[in-house]
C-alpha atoms as a PDB file:
ATOM      1  CA  MET A   1       0.000   0.000   0.000  1.00  0.00           C
ATOM      2  CA  ASN A   2       1.291   3.388  -0.888  1.00  0.00           C
ATOM      3  CA  PRO A   3       1.651   5.472   2.313  1.00  0.00           C
ATOM      4  CA  ASN A   4       0.932   8.594   0.318  1.00  0.00           C
ATOM      5  CA  ASN A   5      -2.451   7.192  -0.680  1.00  0.00           C
ATOM      6  CA  THR A   6      -3.205   6.393   2.961  1.00  0.00           C
ATOM      7  CA  PHE A   7      -2.443   9.971   3.948  1.00  0.00           C
ATOM      8  CA  LEU A   8      -4.653  11.305   1.158  1.00  0.00           C
ATOM      9  CA  ASP A   9      -7.537   9.035   2.093  1.00  0.00           C
ATOM     10  CA  LYS A  10      -7.279   9.701   5.796  1.00  0.00           C
ATOM     11  CA  TYR A  11      -6.693  13.448   5.901  1.00  0.00           C
ATOM     12  CA  LEU A  12      -6.881  15.360   2.657  1.00  0.00           C
ATOM     13  CA  THR A  13     -10.117  13.885   1.312  1.00  0.00           C
ATOM     14  CA  PRO A  14     -12.219  14.744   4.417  1.00  0.00           C
ATOM     15  CA  ILE A  15     -10.701  18.240   4.485  1.00  0.00           C
ATOM     16  CA  ALA A  16     -11.608  18.760   0.838  1.00  0.00           C
ATOM     17  CA  VAL A  17     -15.180  17.700   1.542  1.00  0.00           C
ATOM     18  CA  ILE A  18     -15.439  20.136   4.462  1.00  0.00           C
ATOM     19  CA  LEU A  19     -13.990  23.010   2.410  1.00  0.00           C
ATOM     20  CA  ALA A  20     -16.416  22.296  -0.409  1.00  0.00           C
ATOM     21  CA  ALA A  21     -19.327  22.403   2.031  1.00  0.00           C
ATOM     22  CA  VAL A  22     -18.117  25.711   3.470  1.00  0.00           C
ATOM     23  CA  ILE A  23     -17.781  27.246  -0.014  1.00  0.00           C
ATOM     24  CA  ILE A  24     -21.270  26.131  -0.966  1.00  0.00           C
ATOM     25  CA  ALA A  25     -22.706  27.542   2.266  1.00  0.00           C
ATOM     26  CA  LEU A  26     -20.957  30.887   1.806  1.00  0.00           C
ATOM     27  CA  THR A  27     -22.091  31.097  -1.794  1.00  0.00           C
ATOM     28  CA  PHE A  28     -25.662  30.561  -0.673  1.00  0.00           C
ATOM     29  CA  ILE A  29     -25.377  33.169   2.087  1.00  0.00           C
ATOM     30  CA  PHE A  30     -23.898  35.831  -0.187  1.00  0.00           C
ATOM     31  CA  ALA A  31     -26.416  35.090  -2.897  1.00  0.00           C
ATOM     32  CA  LYS A  32     -29.277  35.529  -0.431  1.00  0.00           C
ATOM     33  CA  GLY A  33     -27.647  38.637   1.009  1.00  0.00           C
ATOM     34  CA  GLY A  34     -27.248  40.170  -2.427  1.00  0.00           C
ATOM     35  CA  GLN A  35     -30.852  39.354  -3.198  1.00  0.00           C
ATOM     36  CA  ALA A  36     -31.970  41.028   0.037  1.00  0.00           C
ATOM     37  CA  VAL A  37     -29.971  44.166  -0.772  1.00  0.00           C
ATOM     38  CA  GLN A  38     -31.461  44.285  -4.261  1.00  0.00           C
ATOM     39  CA  GLN A  39     -34.954  43.768  -2.892  1.00  0.00           C
ATOM     40  CA  ALA A  40     -34.537  46.519  -0.339  1.00  0.00           C
ATOM     41  CA  ALA A  41     -33.151  48.862  -2.982  1.00  0.00           C
ATOM     42  CA  THR A  42     -36.021  48.303  -5.383  1.00  0.00           C
ATOM     43  CA  GLY A  43     -38.785  48.177  -2.809  1.00  0.00           C
ATOM     44  CA  THR A  44     -39.662  44.528  -3.501  1.00  0.00           C
ATOM     45  CA  ASN A  45     -38.630  43.149  -0.133  1.00  0.00           C
ATOM     46  CA  PRO A  46     -41.862  42.349   1.775  1.00  0.00           C
ATOM     47  CA  SER A  47     -40.143  43.078   5.094  1.00  0.00           C
ATOM     48  CA  ALA A  48     -38.804  46.479   3.965  1.00  0.00           C
ATOM     49  CA  PRO A  49     -40.547  49.673   5.168  1.00  0.00           C
ATOM     50  CA  THR A  50     -43.460  50.765   2.998  1.00  0.00           C
ATOM     51  CA  VAL A  51     -42.398  53.491   0.594  1.00  0.00           C
ATOM     52  CA  ASN A  52     -44.795  56.004  -0.911  1.00  0.00           C
ATOM     53  CA  ILE A  53     -43.830  59.393  -2.273  1.00  0.00           C
ATOM     54  CA  LYS A  54     -47.262  60.705  -1.224  1.00  0.00           C
ATOM     55  CA  ASN A  55     -46.318  60.219   2.434  1.00  0.00           C
ATOM     56  CA  LEU A  56     -42.958  61.942   2.108  1.00  0.00           C
ATOM     57  CA  LYS A  57     -42.464  65.399   3.632  1.00  0.00           C
ATOM     58  CA  THR A  58     -41.970  67.786   0.721  1.00  0.00           C
ATOM     59  CA  GLN A  59     -43.395  71.032   2.102  1.00  0.00           C
ATOM     60  CA  GLY A  60     -40.649  73.622   2.436  1.00  0.00           C
ATOM     61  CA  GLU A  61     -38.002  71.381   0.842  1.00  0.00           C
ATOM     62  CA  PRO A  62     -35.895  72.677  -2.058  1.00  0.00           C
ATOM     63  CA  TYR A  63     -37.109  71.444  -5.419  1.00  0.00           C
ATOM     64  CA  VAL A  64     -36.815  72.024  -9.130  1.00  0.00           C
ATOM     65  CA  GLY A  65     -39.640  71.769 -11.647  1.00  0.00           C
ATOM     66  CA  ASN A  66     -43.334  72.535 -11.785  1.00  0.00           C
ATOM     67  CA  ALA A  67     -44.787  72.506  -8.273  1.00  0.00           C
ATOM     68  CA  ASN A  68     -47.795  70.612  -9.639  1.00  0.00           C
ATOM     69  CA  ALA A  69     -45.914  68.227 -11.923  1.00  0.00           C
ATOM     70  CA  PRO A  70     -47.645  64.846 -12.348  1.00  0.00           C
ATOM     71  CA  VAL A  71     -44.639  62.972 -10.957  1.00  0.00           C
ATOM     72  CA  THR A  72     -42.522  63.788  -7.909  1.00  0.00           C
ATOM     73  CA  MET A  73     -39.109  62.275  -7.266  1.00  0.00           C
ATOM     74  CA  ALA A  74     -37.334  62.616  -3.925  1.00  0.00           C
ATOM     75  CA  LEU A  75     -33.542  62.607  -4.063  1.00  0.00           C
ATOM     76  CA  PHE A  76     -31.702  61.854  -0.807  1.00  0.00           C
ATOM     77  CA  PHE A  77     -28.066  62.948  -1.041  1.00  0.00           C
ATOM     78  CA  ASP A  78     -24.966  64.200   0.751  1.00  0.00           C
ATOM     79  CA  TYR A  79     -22.990  67.122  -0.694  1.00  0.00           C
ATOM     80  CA  GLN A  80     -19.707  65.327   0.047  1.00  0.00           C
ATOM     81  CA  CYS A  81     -20.744  61.995  -1.482  1.00  0.00           C
ATOM     82  CA  PRO A  82     -18.694  61.234  -4.641  1.00  0.00           C
ATOM     83  CA  PHE A  83     -21.432  58.931  -5.937  1.00  0.00           C
ATOM     84  CA  CYS A  84     -23.910  61.796  -5.575  1.00  0.00           C
ATOM     85  CA  LYS A  85     -21.568  63.936  -7.655  1.00  0.00           C
ATOM     86  CA  GLN A  86     -21.515  61.263 -10.336  1.00  0.00           C
ATOM     87  CA  PHE A  87     -25.297  60.935 -10.193  1.00  0.00           C
ATOM     88  CA  ASP A  88     -25.644  64.699 -10.532  1.00  0.00           C
ATOM     89  CA  ALA A  89     -23.281  64.720 -13.509  1.00  0.00           C
ATOM     90  CA  THR A  90     -24.728  61.761 -15.415  1.00  0.00           C
ATOM     91  CA  VAL A  91     -28.369  61.272 -14.414  1.00  0.00           C
ATOM     92  CA  VAL A  92     -29.883  64.479 -13.057  1.00  0.00           C
ATOM     93  CA  PRO A  93     -29.153  66.586 -16.174  1.00  0.00           C
ATOM     94  CA  GLN A  94     -30.954  64.033 -18.350  1.00  0.00           C
ATOM     95  CA  LEU A  95     -33.900  64.012 -15.951  1.00  0.00           C
ATOM     96  CA  TYR A  96     -33.907  67.793 -16.009  1.00  0.00           C
ATOM     97  CA  THR A  97     -33.979  67.959 -19.810  1.00  0.00           C
ATOM     98  CA  SER A  98     -36.409  65.118 -20.462  1.00  0.00           C
ATOM     99  CA  TYR A  99     -38.843  65.507 -17.581  1.00  0.00           C
ATOM    100  CA  VAL A 100     -38.353  68.667 -15.506  1.00  0.00           C
ATOM    101  CA  GLN A 101     -38.222  71.156 -18.372  1.00  0.00           C
ATOM    102  CA  THR A 102     -41.200  69.477 -20.031  1.00  0.00           C
ATOM    103  CA  GLY A 103     -43.299  69.905 -16.872  1.00  0.00           C
ATOM    104  CA  LYS A 104     -43.558  66.190 -16.130  1.00  0.00           C
ATOM    105  CA  LEU A 105     -41.330  65.912 -13.047  1.00  0.00           C
ATOM    106  CA  LYS A 106     -40.601  67.729  -9.813  1.00  0.00           C
ATOM    107  CA  ILE A 107     -37.365  66.750  -8.063  1.00  0.00           C
ATOM    108  CA  VAL A 108     -37.382  67.320  -4.306  1.00  0.00           C
ATOM    109  CA  PHE A 109     -33.936  67.523  -2.689  1.00  0.00           C
ATOM    110  CA  LYS A 110     -33.687  65.774   0.688  1.00  0.00           C
ATOM    111  CA  ASP A 111     -30.613  66.046   2.904  1.00  0.00           C
ATOM    112  CA  PHE A 112     -29.098  62.761   4.072  1.00  0.00           C
ATOM    113  CA  ASP A 113     -25.935  64.030   5.743  1.00  0.00           C
ATOM    114  CA  PHE A 114     -23.788  61.196   7.030  1.00  0.00           C
ATOM    115  CA  LEU A 115     -20.272  62.193   6.009  1.00  0.00           C
ATOM    116  CA  GLY A 116     -19.553  64.773   8.691  1.00  0.00           C
ATOM    117  CA  PRO A 117     -19.914  68.450   9.633  1.00  0.00           C
ATOM    118  CA  ASN A 118     -18.920  69.762   6.199  1.00  0.00           C
ATOM    119  CA  SER A 119     -21.953  68.012   4.747  1.00  0.00           C
ATOM    120  CA  THR A 120     -24.207  69.712   7.287  1.00  0.00           C
ATOM    121  CA  GLN A 121     -22.637  73.090   6.613  1.00  0.00           C
ATOM    122  CA  ALA A 122     -23.305  72.678   2.908  1.00  0.00           C
ATOM    123  CA  SER A 123     -26.916  71.753   3.661  1.00  0.00           C
ATOM    124  CA  GLU A 124     -27.321  74.816   5.897  1.00  0.00           C
ATOM    125  CA  PHE A 125     -25.889  76.997   3.145  1.00  0.00           C
ATOM    126  CA  ALA A 126     -28.237  75.357   0.649  1.00  0.00           C
ATOM    127  CA  ARG A 127     -31.263  76.112   2.813  1.00  0.00           C
ATOM    128  CA  ALA A 128     -30.311  79.768   2.855  1.00  0.00           C
ATOM    129  CA  VAL A 129     -29.862  79.812  -0.916  1.00  0.00           C
ATOM    130  CA  TRP A 130     -33.290  78.214  -1.306  1.00  0.00           C
ATOM    131  CA  ALA A 131     -34.892  80.731   1.060  1.00  0.00           C
ATOM    132  CA  LEU A 132     -33.430  83.717  -0.778  1.00  0.00           C
ATOM    133  CA  TYR A 133     -33.009  82.578  -4.359  1.00  0.00           C
ATOM    134  CA  PRO A 134     -35.235  79.560  -5.127  1.00  0.00           C
ATOM    135  CA  ASP A 135     -34.901  80.180  -8.865  1.00  0.00           C
ATOM    136  CA  LYS A 136     -31.105  79.861  -8.529  1.00  0.00           C
ATOM    137  CA  PHE A 137     -31.085  76.777  -6.333  1.00  0.00           C
ATOM    138  CA  TYR A 138     -30.649  74.108  -9.008  1.00  0.00           C
ATOM    139  CA  GLN A 139     -27.810  76.052 -10.637  1.00  0.00           C
ATOM    140  CA  TRP A 140     -26.147  76.461  -7.245  1.00  0.00           C
ATOM    141  CA  TYR A 141     -26.684  72.777  -6.364  1.00  0.00           C
ATOM    142  CA  SER A 142     -25.057  71.652  -9.617  1.00  0.00           C
ATOM    143  CA  ALA A 143     -22.161  74.073  -9.189  1.00  0.00           C
ATOM    144  CA  ILE A 144     -21.412  72.799  -5.678  1.00  0.00           C
ATOM    145  CA  PHE A 145     -21.267  69.196  -6.880  1.00  0.00           C
ATOM    146  CA  ALA A 146     -19.135  70.108  -9.880  1.00  0.00           C
ATOM    147  CA  ALA A 147     -16.631  71.758  -7.508  1.00  0.00           C
ATOM    148  CA  GLN A 148     -16.865  69.026  -4.841  1.00  0.00           C
ATOM    149  CA  LEU A 149     -13.818  68.779  -2.566  1.00  0.00           C
ATOM    150  CA  GLU A 150     -12.303  65.593  -1.220  1.00  0.00           C
ATOM    151  CA  GLU A 151     -14.494  63.989   1.427  1.00  0.00           C
ATOM    152  CA  SER A 152     -13.712  64.943   5.031  1.00  0.00           C
ATOM    153  CA  ARG A 153     -15.254  63.442   8.151  1.00  0.00           C
ATOM    154  CA  THR A 154     -14.082  66.331  10.325  1.00  0.00           C
ATOM    155  CA  ALA A 155     -14.878  70.049  10.278  1.00  0.00           C
ATOM    156  CA  ASP A 156     -12.753  71.965   7.802  1.00  0.00           C
ATOM    157  CA  ALA A 157     -12.237  75.683   8.381  1.00  0.00           C
ATOM    158  CA  GLY A 158     -11.742  76.152   4.663  1.00  0.00           C
ATOM    159  CA  TYR A 159     -15.037  74.588   3.662  1.00  0.00           C
ATOM    160  CA  LEU A 160     -17.258  77.630   4.166  1.00  0.00           C
ATOM    161  CA  PRO A 161     -14.894  79.839   2.107  1.00  0.00           C
ATOM    162  CA  HIS A 162     -15.092  77.165  -0.580  1.00  0.00           C
ATOM    163  CA  LEU A 163     -18.903  77.327  -0.578  1.00  0.00           C
ATOM    164  CA  GLU A 164     -18.745  81.115  -0.722  1.00  0.00           C
ATOM    165  CA  LYS A 165     -16.281  81.039  -3.614  1.00  0.00           C
ATOM    166  CA  VAL A 166     -18.430  78.692  -5.700  1.00  0.00           C
ATOM    167  CA  THR A 167     -21.576  80.652  -4.879  1.00  0.00           C
ATOM    168  CA  ALA A 168     -19.937  83.887  -6.001  1.00  0.00           C
ATOM    169  CA  THR A 169     -19.663  82.455  -9.531  1.00  0.00           C
ATOM    170  CA  ILE A 170     -23.465  82.395  -9.885  1.00  0.00           C
ATOM    171  CA  PRO A 171     -24.860  85.732 -11.075  1.00  0.00           C
ATOM    172  CA  GLY A 172     -27.651  87.175  -8.977  1.00  0.00           C
ATOM    173  CA  ILE A 173     -26.701  85.621  -5.632  1.00  0.00           C
ATOM    174  CA  ASP A 174     -25.464  87.863  -2.819  1.00  0.00           C
ATOM    175  CA  VAL A 175     -23.024  85.643  -0.916  1.00  0.00           C
ATOM    176  CA  ASN A 176     -22.953  87.812   2.206  1.00  0.00           C
ATOM    177  CA  LYS A 177     -26.729  87.779   2.383  1.00  0.00           C
ATOM    178  CA  VAL A 178     -26.742  83.997   2.121  1.00  0.00           C
ATOM    179  CA  VAL A 179     -24.220  83.631   4.949  1.00  0.00           C
ATOM    180  CA  THR A 180     -26.158  86.055   7.154  1.00  0.00           C
ATOM    181  CA  THR A 181     -29.395  84.155   6.529  1.00  0.00           C
ATOM    182  CA  MET A 182     -27.697  80.838   7.202  1.00  0.00           C
ATOM    183  CA  ASN A 183     -26.282  81.984  10.515  1.00  0.00           C
ATOM    184  CA  ALA A 184     -29.586  83.512  11.626  1.00  0.00           C
ATOM    185  CA  ASN A 185     -31.533  80.314  10.878  1.00  0.00           C
ATOM    186  CA  LYS A 186     -28.958  77.658  11.755  1.00  0.00           C
ATOM    187  CA  THR A 187     -31.056  76.042  14.507  1.00  0.00           C
ATOM    188  CA  ALA A 188     -34.142  75.760  12.298  1.00  0.00           C
ATOM    189  CA  TYR A 189     -32.116  74.508   9.331  1.00  0.00           C
ATOM    190  CA  ASP A 190     -30.356  71.882  11.450  1.00  0.00           C
ATOM    191  CA  ALA A 191     -33.692  70.597  12.714  1.00  0.00           C
ATOM    192  CA  THR A 192     -35.013  70.216   9.162  1.00  0.00           C
ATOM    193  CA  ILE A 193     -31.794  68.571   7.975  1.00  0.00           C
ATOM    194  CA  ALA A 194     -31.953  66.090  10.852  1.00  0.00           C
ATOM    195  CA  ALA A 195     -35.626  65.416  10.097  1.00  0.00           C
ATOM    196  CA  ASP A 196     -34.753  64.574   6.482  1.00  0.00           C
ATOM    197  CA  PHE A 197     -32.136  62.100   7.659  1.00  0.00           C
ATOM    198  CA  THR A 198     -34.507  60.455  10.134  1.00  0.00           C
ATOM    199  CA  GLU A 199     -37.241  60.257   7.522  1.00  0.00           C
ATOM    200  CA  GLY A 200     -34.867  58.617   5.060  1.00  0.00           C
ATOM    201  CA  GLN A 201     -33.774  56.061   7.627  1.00  0.00           C
ATOM    202  CA  GLY A 202     -37.418  55.294   8.310  1.00  0.00           C
ATOM    203  CA  TYR A 203     -37.820  54.303   4.683  1.00  0.00           C
ATOM    204  CA  GLY A 204     -34.794  52.025   4.861  1.00  0.00           C
ATOM    205  CA  ILE A 205     -32.309  54.355   3.193  1.00  0.00           C
ATOM    206  CA  GLN A 206     -28.757  53.380   4.091  1.00  0.00           C
ATOM    207  CA  GLY A 207     -26.678  55.527   1.760  1.00  0.00           C
ATOM    208  CA  THR A 208     -26.635  58.066  -1.040  1.00  0.00           C
ATOM    209  CA  PRO A 209     -27.749  58.771  -3.639  1.00  0.00           C
ATOM    210  CA  SER A 210     -31.202  57.287  -3.083  1.00  0.00           C
ATOM    211  CA  VAL A 211     -34.382  58.145  -4.956  1.00  0.00           C
ATOM    212  CA  ILE A 212     -38.047  57.527  -4.305  1.00  0.00           C
ATOM    213  CA  VAL A 213     -40.543  57.557  -7.140  1.00  0.00           C
ATOM    214  CA  GLY A 214     -44.076  56.398  -6.484  1.00  0.00           C
ATOM    215  CA  THR A 215     -43.812  53.379  -4.207  1.00  0.00           C
ATOM    216  CA  THR A 216     -40.278  52.414  -5.205  1.00  0.00           C
ATOM    217  CA  LEU A 217     -36.970  53.137  -3.518  1.00  0.00           C
ATOM    218  CA  LEU A 218     -33.750  52.901  -5.521  1.00  0.00           C
ATOM    219  CA  GLN A 219     -30.519  53.058  -3.535  1.00  0.00           C
ATOM    220  CA  GLY A 220     -27.016  53.632  -4.792  1.00  0.00           C
ATOM    221  CA  LEU A 221     -25.691  55.027  -8.063  1.00  0.00           C
ATOM    222  CA  GLN A 222     -28.458  54.007 -10.449  1.00  0.00           C
ATOM    223  CA  PRO A 223     -28.339  54.571 -14.219  1.00  0.00           C
ATOM    224  CA  TYR A 224     -30.633  57.007 -15.966  1.00  0.00           C
ATOM    225  CA  SER A 225     -32.565  54.123 -17.522  1.00  0.00           C
ATOM    226  CA  ALA A 226     -33.580  52.743 -14.114  1.00  0.00           C
ATOM    227  CA  VAL A 227     -34.883  56.094 -12.867  1.00  0.00           C
ATOM    228  CA  SER A 228     -36.587  57.080 -16.117  1.00  0.00           C
ATOM    229  CA  GLN A 229     -38.387  53.736 -16.203  1.00  0.00           C
ATOM    230  CA  LEU A 230     -39.952  54.493 -12.827  1.00  0.00           C
ATOM    231  CA  ILE A 231     -40.972  57.978 -13.943  1.00  0.00           C
ATOM    232  CA  ASP A 232     -42.488  56.656 -17.172  1.00  0.00           C
ATOM    233  CA  SER A 233     -44.453  54.064 -15.214  1.00  0.00           C
ATOM    234  CA  GLN A 234     -45.926  56.821 -13.064  1.00  0.00           C
ATOM    235  CA  LEU A 235     -46.721  58.952 -16.106  1.00  0.00           C
ATOM    236  CA  ASN A 236     -48.436  55.996 -17.747  1.00  0.00           C
ATOM    237  CA  GLY A 237     -50.476  55.290 -14.622  1.00  0.00           C
ATOM    238  CA  LYS A 238     -48.858  51.935 -13.854  1.00  0.00           C
END
């Protein structure tokens, strides 16, 4: 008898069987986990919170489009999120051209600040811009994302000057007036920003960008086709 064969039969074969079982189990777990994430993201998970744009708080929130547009989309985002920047560069402009400018869609901007104090400061600044210059908000919003700085989880003394510098490039906005309004309403703005975050969490949102259209929640960097399909379904009464 070959001693090598005895060793293989006694030790290596059982180990191989165990490893194979572990791999199969892990494959099953990850497959189920991925399915759960996809279900939660698309609103098809029966255990996920019920999502309905009609129940979402939109009063007083910044938005772009016809106030009475037939379809409303809520966009939860963080000004420091690089995926939000990509979404704003690749998806939002197409939505704006195809649906917002044609009167079919209203996009409501919801703060979901989770990347630190700079994110909150940007949201406070945004609230002041919306209060003073609602017609300039979308232009300002796009400009801030286009000039997005590297993500920081701590307060950066240079972040406010950065916001002021970008804002100064938009004709018709008085930067000093925006800062004064922001400082005077900081407590109220912070409460609204926190409420947006809590509301998003209540709907199962775990990151940005996330959008709600009708009764569907899409999480993560989704392509234009995925979002437009939801909007078209709402327009077609489906």
